[in-house]
Amino acid sequence: MYFLYGAKDGGRLRLVATFDSEQQLLAYVHWATLENLPGRRAKFEQGSALVGFNTEHHSARPLTSDDAEDVPHNPSPSML
């Protein structure tokens, strides 16, 4: 499983979604990113799991104690 996190300007990482594959995760981040900003920051699509955050991080292992059961699994644009 792959874990997608959002954060605001160096704040705490928050788990926002999980994915079965890294390819799915990267495709979702590509879709959700409206604009890349300086300093690895970005603007994200309204309705995406990353809305309200300005950075994303991903990992093949959990980085926080957030419960993966509490976030969408394999979200896609068609789920909006």
PDB file of N, CA and C in Angstrom:
ATOM      1  N   MET A   1       0.855  -1.175   0.000  1.00  0.00           N
ATOM      2  CA  MET A   1       0.000   0.000   0.000  1.00  0.00           C
ATOM      3  C   MET A   1       0.902   1.240   0.000  1.00  0.00           C
ATOM      4  N   TYR A   2       0.414   2.295  -0.659  1.00  0.00           N
ATOM      5  CA  TYR A   2       1.135   3.559  -0.734  1.00  0.00           C
ATOM      6  C   TYR A   2       0.305   4.626  -0.044  1.00  0.00           C
ATOM      7  N   PHE A   3       0.977   5.523   0.640  1.00  0.00           N
ATOM      8  CA  PHE A   3       0.340   6.509   1.501  1.00  0.00           C
ATOM      9  C   PHE A   3       0.593   7.912   0.960  1.00  0.00           C
ATOM     10  N   LEU A   4      -0.470   8.703   0.834  1.00  0.00           N
ATOM     11  CA  LEU A   4      -0.383  10.091   0.363  1.00  0.00           C
ATOM     12  C   LEU A   4      -0.682  11.017   1.528  1.00  0.00           C
ATOM     13  N   TYR A   5       0.205  11.979   1.739  1.00  0.00           N
ATOM     14  CA  TYR A   5       0.083  12.942   2.841  1.00  0.00           C
ATOM     15  C   TYR A   5       0.013  14.351   2.304  1.00  0.00           C
ATOM     16  N   GLY A   6      -0.694  15.201   3.004  1.00  0.00           N
ATOM     17  CA  GLY A   6      -0.722  16.622   2.725  1.00  0.00           C
ATOM     18  C   GLY A   6      -0.206  17.376   3.929  1.00  0.00           C
ATOM     19  N   ALA A   7       0.336  18.574   3.693  1.00  0.00           N
ATOM     20  CA  ALA A   7       0.812  19.438   4.781  1.00  0.00           C
ATOM     21  C   ALA A   7       0.671  20.887   4.336  1.00  0.00           C
ATOM     22  N   LYS A   8       0.676  21.767   5.329  1.00  0.00           N
ATOM     23  CA  LYS A   8       0.639  23.211   5.067  1.00  0.00           C
ATOM     24  C   LYS A   8       1.935  23.823   5.552  1.00  0.00           C
ATOM     25  N   ASP A   9       2.707  24.414   4.638  1.00  0.00           N
ATOM     26  CA  ASP A   9       3.920  25.168   4.962  1.00  0.00           C
ATOM     27  C   ASP A   9       4.737  24.576   6.107  1.00  0.00           C
ATOM     28  N   GLY A  10       5.177  23.349   5.934  1.00  0.00           N
ATOM     29  CA  GLY A  10       6.048  22.734   6.924  1.00  0.00           C
ATOM     30  C   GLY A  10       5.337  22.211   8.152  1.00  0.00           C
ATOM     31  N   GLY A  11       4.022  22.231   8.147  1.00  0.00           N
ATOM     32  CA  GLY A  11       3.254  21.722   9.284  1.00  0.00           C
ATOM     33  C   GLY A  11       3.239  20.204   9.312  1.00  0.00           C
ATOM     34  N   ARG A  12       2.467  19.680  10.229  1.00  0.00           N
ATOM     35  CA  ARG A  12       2.374  18.233  10.417  1.00  0.00           C
ATOM     36  C   ARG A  12       1.788  17.547   9.182  1.00  0.00           C
ATOM     37  N   LEU A  13       2.389  16.425   8.805  1.00  0.00           N
ATOM     38  CA  LEU A  13       1.841  15.616   7.726  1.00  0.00           C
ATOM     39  C   LEU A  13       0.526  14.999   8.171  1.00  0.00           C
ATOM     40  N   ARG A  14      -0.445  14.995   7.258  1.00  0.00           N
ATOM     41  CA  ARG A  14      -1.734  14.348   7.527  1.00  0.00           C
ATOM     42  C   ARG A  14      -2.016  13.365   6.390  1.00  0.00           C
ATOM     43  N   LEU A  15      -2.334  12.152   6.760  1.00  0.00           N
ATOM     44  CA  LEU A  15      -2.684  11.146   5.768  1.00  0.00           C
ATOM     45  C   LEU A  15      -3.996  11.557   5.095  1.00  0.00           C
ATOM     46  N   VAL A  16      -3.996  11.605   3.744  1.00  0.00           N
ATOM     47  CA  VAL A  16      -5.204  12.029   3.033  1.00  0.00           C
ATOM     48  C   VAL A  16      -5.783  10.928   2.145  1.00  0.00           C
ATOM     49  N   ALA A  17      -4.981   9.925   1.766  1.00  0.00           N
ATOM     50  CA  ALA A  17      -5.476   8.833   0.926  1.00  0.00           C
ATOM     51  C   ALA A  17      -4.449   7.704   0.897  1.00  0.00           C
ATOM     52  N   THR A  18      -4.931   6.518   0.522  1.00  0.00           N
ATOM     53  CA  THR A  18      -4.039   5.377   0.303  1.00  0.00           C
ATOM     54  C   THR A  18      -4.310   4.822  -1.092  1.00  0.00           C
ATOM     55  N   PHE A  19      -3.311   4.147  -1.638  1.00  0.00           N
ATOM     56  CA  PHE A  19      -3.402   3.601  -2.999  1.00  0.00           C
ATOM     57  C   PHE A  19      -2.784   2.213  -3.041  1.00  0.00           C
ATOM     58  N   ASP A  20      -3.262   1.399  -3.983  1.00  0.00           N
ATOM     59  CA  ASP A  20      -2.701   0.063  -4.154  1.00  0.00           C
ATOM     60  C   ASP A  20      -1.323   0.094  -4.809  1.00  0.00           C
ATOM     61  N   SER A  21      -1.079   1.083  -5.649  1.00  0.00           N
ATOM     62  CA  SER A  21       0.207   1.138  -6.353  1.00  0.00           C
ATOM     63  C   SER A  21       0.753   2.564  -6.378  1.00  0.00           C
ATOM     64  N   GLU A  22       2.049   2.656  -6.533  1.00  0.00           N
ATOM     65  CA  GLU A  22       2.681   3.971  -6.646  1.00  0.00           C
ATOM     66  C   GLU A  22       2.222   4.666  -7.926  1.00  0.00           C
ATOM     67  N   GLN A  23       2.017   3.895  -8.988  1.00  0.00           N
ATOM     68  CA  GLN A  23       1.559   4.473 -10.247  1.00  0.00           C
ATOM     69  C   GLN A  23       0.199   5.157 -10.082  1.00  0.00           C
ATOM     70  N   GLN A  24      -0.725   4.525  -9.363  1.00  0.00           N
ATOM     71  CA  GLN A  24      -2.035   5.138  -9.104  1.00  0.00           C
ATOM     72  C   GLN A  24      -1.880   6.419  -8.297  1.00  0.00           C
ATOM     73  N   LEU A  25      -1.044   6.376  -7.268  1.00  0.00           N
ATOM     74  CA  LEU A  25      -0.819   7.541  -6.417  1.00  0.00           C
ATOM     75  C   LEU A  25      -0.260   8.703  -7.232  1.00  0.00           C
ATOM     76  N   LEU A  26       0.761   8.436  -8.034  1.00  0.00           N
ATOM     77  CA  LEU A  26       1.381   9.510  -8.818  1.00  0.00           C
ATOM     78  C   LEU A  26       0.419  10.078  -9.854  1.00  0.00           C
ATOM     79  N   ALA A  27      -0.405   9.237 -10.460  1.00  0.00           N
ATOM     80  CA  ALA A  27      -1.396   9.726 -11.421  1.00  0.00           C
ATOM     81  C   ALA A  27      -2.409  10.627 -10.722  1.00  0.00           C
ATOM     82  N   TYR A  28      -2.807  10.242  -9.512  1.00  0.00           N
ATOM     83  CA  TYR A  28      -3.762  11.058  -8.755  1.00  0.00           C
ATOM     84  C   TYR A  28      -3.148  12.412  -8.398  1.00  0.00           C
ATOM     85  N   VAL A  29      -1.918  12.419  -7.925  1.00  0.00           N
ATOM     86  CA  VAL A  29      -1.247  13.682  -7.577  1.00  0.00           C
ATOM     87  C   VAL A  29      -1.111  14.558  -8.817  1.00  0.00           C
ATOM     88  N   HIS A  30      -0.787  13.958  -9.945  1.00  0.00           N
ATOM     89  CA  HIS A  30      -0.666  14.723 -11.196  1.00  0.00           C
ATOM     90  C   HIS A  30      -2.006  15.370 -11.541  1.00  0.00           C
ATOM     91  N   TRP A  31      -3.100  14.600 -11.445  1.00  0.00           N
ATOM     92  CA  TRP A  31      -4.427  15.156 -11.721  1.00  0.00           C
ATOM     93  C   TRP A  31      -4.784  16.264 -10.729  1.00  0.00           C
ATOM     94  N   ALA A  32      -4.503  16.046  -9.451  1.00  0.00           N
ATOM     95  CA  ALA A  32      -4.932  16.977  -8.396  1.00  0.00           C
ATOM     96  C   ALA A  32      -4.130  18.276  -8.382  1.00  0.00           C
ATOM     97  N   THR A  33      -2.951  18.296  -8.991  1.00  0.00           N
ATOM     98  CA  THR A  33      -2.094  19.479  -8.960  1.00  0.00           C
ATOM     99  C   THR A  33      -2.516  20.477 -10.031  1.00  0.00           C
ATOM    100  N   LEU A  34      -3.000  21.635  -9.584  1.00  0.00           N
ATOM    101  CA  LEU A  34      -3.394  22.700 -10.513  1.00  0.00           C
ATOM    102  C   LEU A  34      -2.209  23.554 -10.928  1.00  0.00           C
ATOM    103  N   GLU A  35      -1.308  23.800  -9.974  1.00  0.00           N
ATOM    104  CA  GLU A  35      -0.179  24.695 -10.222  1.00  0.00           C
ATOM    105  C   GLU A  35       0.962  24.347  -9.278  1.00  0.00           C
ATOM    106  N   ASN A  36       2.160  24.231  -9.839  1.00  0.00           N
ATOM    107  CA  ASN A  36       3.351  24.054  -9.014  1.00  0.00           C
ATOM    108  C   ASN A  36       3.888  25.425  -8.634  1.00  0.00           C
ATOM    109  N   LEU A  37       4.237  25.587  -7.365  1.00  0.00           N
ATOM    110  CA  LEU A  37       4.737  26.850  -6.838  1.00  0.00           C
ATOM    111  C   LEU A  37       6.167  26.661  -6.348  1.00  0.00           C
ATOM    112  N   PRO A  38       6.912  27.739  -6.134  1.00  0.00           N
ATOM    113  CA  PRO A  38       8.282  27.612  -5.628  1.00  0.00           C
ATOM    114  C   PRO A  38       8.323  26.876  -4.285  1.00  0.00           C
ATOM    115  N   GLY A  39       9.421  26.191  -4.046  1.00  0.00           N
ATOM    116  CA  GLY A  39       9.633  25.537  -2.759  1.00  0.00           C
ATOM    117  C   GLY A  39       8.853  24.246  -2.581  1.00  0.00           C
ATOM    118  N   ARG A  40       8.658  23.486  -3.677  1.00  0.00           N
ATOM    119  CA  ARG A  40       7.911  22.216  -3.636  1.00  0.00           C
ATOM    120  C   ARG A  40       6.474  22.389  -3.166  1.00  0.00           C
ATOM    121  N   ARG A  41       5.923  23.584  -3.337  1.00  0.00           N
ATOM    122  CA  ARG A  41       4.538  23.843  -2.949  1.00  0.00           C
ATOM    123  C   ARG A  41       3.663  23.741  -4.192  1.00  0.00           C
ATOM    124  N   ALA A  42       2.359  23.631  -3.976  1.00  0.00           N
ATOM    125  CA  ALA A  42       1.429  23.516  -5.102  1.00  0.00           C
ATOM    126  C   ALA A  42       0.040  23.966  -4.689  1.00  0.00           C
ATOM    127  N   LYS A  43      -0.773  24.238  -5.706  1.00  0.00           N
ATOM    128  CA  LYS A  43      -2.214  24.443  -5.514  1.00  0.00           C
ATOM    129  C   LYS A  43      -2.885  23.179  -6.010  1.00  0.00           C
ATOM    130  N   PHE A  44      -3.899  22.711  -5.255  1.00  0.00           N
ATOM    131  CA  PHE A  44      -4.553  21.455  -5.592  1.00  0.00           C
ATOM    132  C   PHE A  44      -6.017  21.646  -5.941  1.00  0.00           C
ATOM    133  N   GLU A  45      -6.506  20.753  -6.766  1.00  0.00           N
ATOM    134  CA  GLU A  45      -7.882  20.735  -7.262  1.00  0.00           C
ATOM    135  C   GLU A  45      -8.900  20.721  -6.116  1.00  0.00           C
ATOM    136  N   GLN A  46      -9.929  21.568  -6.241  1.00  0.00           N
ATOM    137  CA  GLN A  46     -11.049  21.517  -5.297  1.00  0.00           C
ATOM    138  C   GLN A  46     -11.681  20.130  -5.398  1.00  0.00           C
ATOM    139  N   GLY A  47     -12.008  19.546  -4.277  1.00  0.00           N
ATOM    140  CA  GLY A  47     -12.611  18.224  -4.278  1.00  0.00           C
ATOM    141  C   GLY A  47     -11.605  17.091  -4.203  1.00  0.00           C
ATOM    142  N   SER A  48     -10.320  17.403  -4.366  1.00  0.00           N
ATOM    143  CA  SER A  48      -9.308  16.351  -4.242  1.00  0.00           C
ATOM    144  C   SER A  48      -8.965  16.135  -2.769  1.00  0.00           C
ATOM    145  N   ALA A  49      -8.324  15.034  -2.486  1.00  0.00           N
ATOM    146  CA  ALA A  49      -7.911  14.734  -1.112  1.00  0.00           C
ATOM    147  C   ALA A  49      -6.861  15.727  -0.608  1.00  0.00           C
ATOM    148  N   LEU A  50      -6.222  16.439  -1.517  1.00  0.00           N
ATOM    149  CA  LEU A  50      -5.158  17.378  -1.144  1.00  0.00           C
ATOM    150  C   LEU A  50      -5.632  18.828  -1.010  1.00  0.00           C
ATOM    151  N   VAL A  51      -6.890  19.100  -1.262  1.00  0.00           N
ATOM    152  CA  VAL A  51      -7.385  20.472  -1.164  1.00  0.00           C
ATOM    153  C   VAL A  51      -7.157  20.989   0.266  1.00  0.00           C
ATOM    154  N   GLY A  52      -6.714  22.234   0.374  1.00  0.00           N
ATOM    155  CA  GLY A  52      -6.438  22.829   1.680  1.00  0.00           C
ATOM    156  C   GLY A  52      -4.997  22.674   2.120  1.00  0.00           C
ATOM    157  N   PHE A  53      -4.247  21.851   1.419  1.00  0.00           N
ATOM    158  CA  PHE A  53      -2.819  21.689   1.717  1.00  0.00           C
ATOM    159  C   PHE A  53      -2.013  22.356   0.616  1.00  0.00           C
ATOM    160  N   ASN A  54      -0.720  22.621   0.877  1.00  0.00           N
ATOM    161  CA  ASN A  54       0.101  23.188  -0.195  1.00  0.00           C
ATOM    162  C   ASN A  54       1.366  22.382  -0.466  1.00  0.00           C
ATOM    163  N   THR A  55       1.514  21.241   0.184  1.00  0.00           N
ATOM    164  CA  THR A  55       2.582  20.295  -0.172  1.00  0.00           C
ATOM    165  C   THR A  55       2.022  18.885  -0.072  1.00  0.00           C
ATOM    166  N   GLU A  56       2.626  17.985  -0.850  1.00  0.00           N
ATOM    167  CA  GLU A  56       2.255  16.574  -0.762  1.00  0.00           C
ATOM    168  C   GLU A  56       3.523  15.757  -0.556  1.00  0.00           C
ATOM    169  N   HIS A  57       3.356  14.653   0.113  1.00  0.00           N
ATOM    170  CA  HIS A  57       4.440  13.701   0.348  1.00  0.00           C
ATOM    171  C   HIS A  57       3.830  12.322   0.178  1.00  0.00           C
ATOM    172  N   HIS A  58       4.638  11.370  -0.278  1.00  0.00           N
ATOM    173  CA  HIS A  58       4.120  10.013  -0.377  1.00  0.00           C
ATOM    174  C   HIS A  58       5.196   9.017   0.019  1.00  0.00           C
ATOM    175  N   SER A  59       4.722   7.832   0.408  1.00  0.00           N
ATOM    176  CA  SER A  59       5.631   6.830   0.946  1.00  0.00           C
ATOM    177  C   SER A  59       5.018   5.446   0.781  1.00  0.00           C
ATOM    178  N   ALA A  60       5.876   4.444   0.729  1.00  0.00           N
ATOM    179  CA  ALA A  60       5.416   3.055   0.687  1.00  0.00           C
ATOM    180  C   ALA A  60       5.179   2.518   2.094  1.00  0.00           C
ATOM    181  N   ARG A  61       5.439   3.336   3.088  1.00  0.00           N
ATOM    182  CA  ARG A  61       5.190   2.927   4.484  1.00  0.00           C
ATOM    183  C   ARG A  61       4.563   4.099   5.227  1.00  0.00           C
ATOM    184  N   PRO A  62       3.828   3.820   6.292  1.00  0.00           N
ATOM    185  CA  PRO A  62       3.208   4.915   7.051  1.00  0.00           C
ATOM    186  C   PRO A  62       4.260   5.855   7.647  1.00  0.00           C
ATOM    187  N   LEU A  63       3.997   7.143   7.580  1.00  0.00           N
ATOM    188  CA  LEU A  63       4.894   8.156   8.156  1.00  0.00           C
ATOM    189  C   LEU A  63       4.311   8.784   9.414  1.00  0.00           C
ATOM    190  N   THR A  64       3.031   8.528   9.673  1.00  0.00           N
ATOM    191  CA  THR A  64       2.355   9.077  10.846  1.00  0.00           C
ATOM    192  C   THR A  64       1.526   7.966  11.489  1.00  0.00           C
ATOM    193  N   SER A  65       0.912   8.289  12.593  1.00  0.00           N
ATOM    194  CA  SER A  65       0.032   7.315  13.246  1.00  0.00           C
ATOM    195  C   SER A  65      -1.413   7.450  12.760  1.00  0.00           C
ATOM    196  N   ASP A  66      -1.658   8.270  11.737  1.00  0.00           N
ATOM    197  CA  ASP A  66      -3.006   8.419  11.180  1.00  0.00           C
ATOM    198  C   ASP A  66      -3.526   7.058  10.707  1.00  0.00           C
ATOM    199  N   ASP A  67      -4.807   6.805  10.902  1.00  0.00           N
ATOM    200  CA  ASP A  67      -5.426   5.526  10.558  1.00  0.00           C
ATOM    201  C   ASP A  67      -5.819   5.499   9.082  1.00  0.00           C
ATOM    202  N   ALA A  68      -5.265   4.552   8.344  1.00  0.00           N
ATOM    203  CA  ALA A  68      -5.563   4.430   6.915  1.00  0.00           C
ATOM    204  C   ALA A  68      -7.034   4.114   6.655  1.00  0.00           C
ATOM    205  N   GLU A  69      -7.733   3.577   7.629  1.00  0.00           N
ATOM    206  CA  GLU A  69      -9.162   3.279   7.472  1.00  0.00           C
ATOM    207  C   GLU A  69     -10.015   4.543   7.435  1.00  0.00           C
ATOM    208  N   ASP A  70      -9.451   5.666   7.881  1.00  0.00           N
ATOM    209  CA  ASP A  70     -10.201   6.923   7.960  1.00  0.00           C
ATOM    210  C   ASP A  70     -10.107   7.786   6.704  1.00  0.00           C
ATOM    211  N   VAL A  71      -9.358   7.336   5.698  1.00  0.00           N
ATOM    212  CA  VAL A  71      -9.171   8.136   4.478  1.00  0.00           C
ATOM    213  C   VAL A  71      -9.583   7.317   3.262  1.00  0.00           C
ATOM    214  N   PRO A  72      -9.863   7.982   2.127  1.00  0.00           N
ATOM    215  CA  PRO A  72     -10.246   7.247   0.917  1.00  0.00           C
ATOM    216  C   PRO A  72      -9.123   6.325   0.432  1.00  0.00           C
ATOM    217  N   HIS A  73      -9.521   5.173  -0.103  1.00  0.00           N
ATOM    218  CA  HIS A  73      -8.572   4.240  -0.710  1.00  0.00           C
ATOM    219  C   HIS A  73      -8.776   4.270  -2.219  1.00  0.00           C
ATOM    220  N   ASN A  74      -7.700   4.491  -2.942  1.00  0.00           N
ATOM    221  CA  ASN A  74      -7.726   4.606  -4.405  1.00  0.00           C
ATOM    222  C   ASN A  74      -8.728   5.643  -4.915  1.00  0.00           C
ATOM    223  N   PRO A  75      -8.717   6.877  -4.344  1.00  0.00           N
ATOM    224  CA  PRO A  75      -9.635   7.890  -4.880  1.00  0.00           C
ATOM    225  C   PRO A  75      -9.298   8.194  -6.343  1.00  0.00           C
ATOM    226  N   SER A  76     -10.290   8.627  -7.074  1.00  0.00           N
ATOM    227  CA  SER A  76     -10.081   9.006  -8.459  1.00  0.00           C
ATOM    228  C   SER A  76     -10.951  10.209  -8.775  1.00  0.00           C
ATOM    229  N   PRO A  77     -10.623  10.937  -9.842  1.00  0.00           N
ATOM    230  CA  PRO A  77     -11.439  12.096 -10.216  1.00  0.00           C
ATOM    231  C   PRO A  77     -12.898  11.737 -10.428  1.00  0.00           C
ATOM    232  N   SER A  78     -13.186  10.512 -10.858  1.00  0.00           N
ATOM    233  CA  SER A  78     -14.576  10.131 -11.117  1.00  0.00           C
ATOM    234  C   SER A  78     -15.374   9.968  -9.814  1.00  0.00           C
ATOM    235  N   MET A  79     -14.683   9.936  -8.657  1.00  0.00           N
ATOM    236  CA  MET A  79     -15.370   9.827  -7.368  1.00  0.00           C
ATOM    237  C   MET A  79     -15.932  11.163  -6.913  1.00  0.00           C
ATOM    238  N   LEU A  80     -15.577  12.260  -7.590  1.00  0.00           N
ATOM    239  CA  LEU A  80     -16.020  13.594  -7.160  1.00  0.00           C
ATOM    240  C   LEU A  80     -17.476  13.832  -7.466  1.00  0.00           C
TER     241      LEU A  80
END
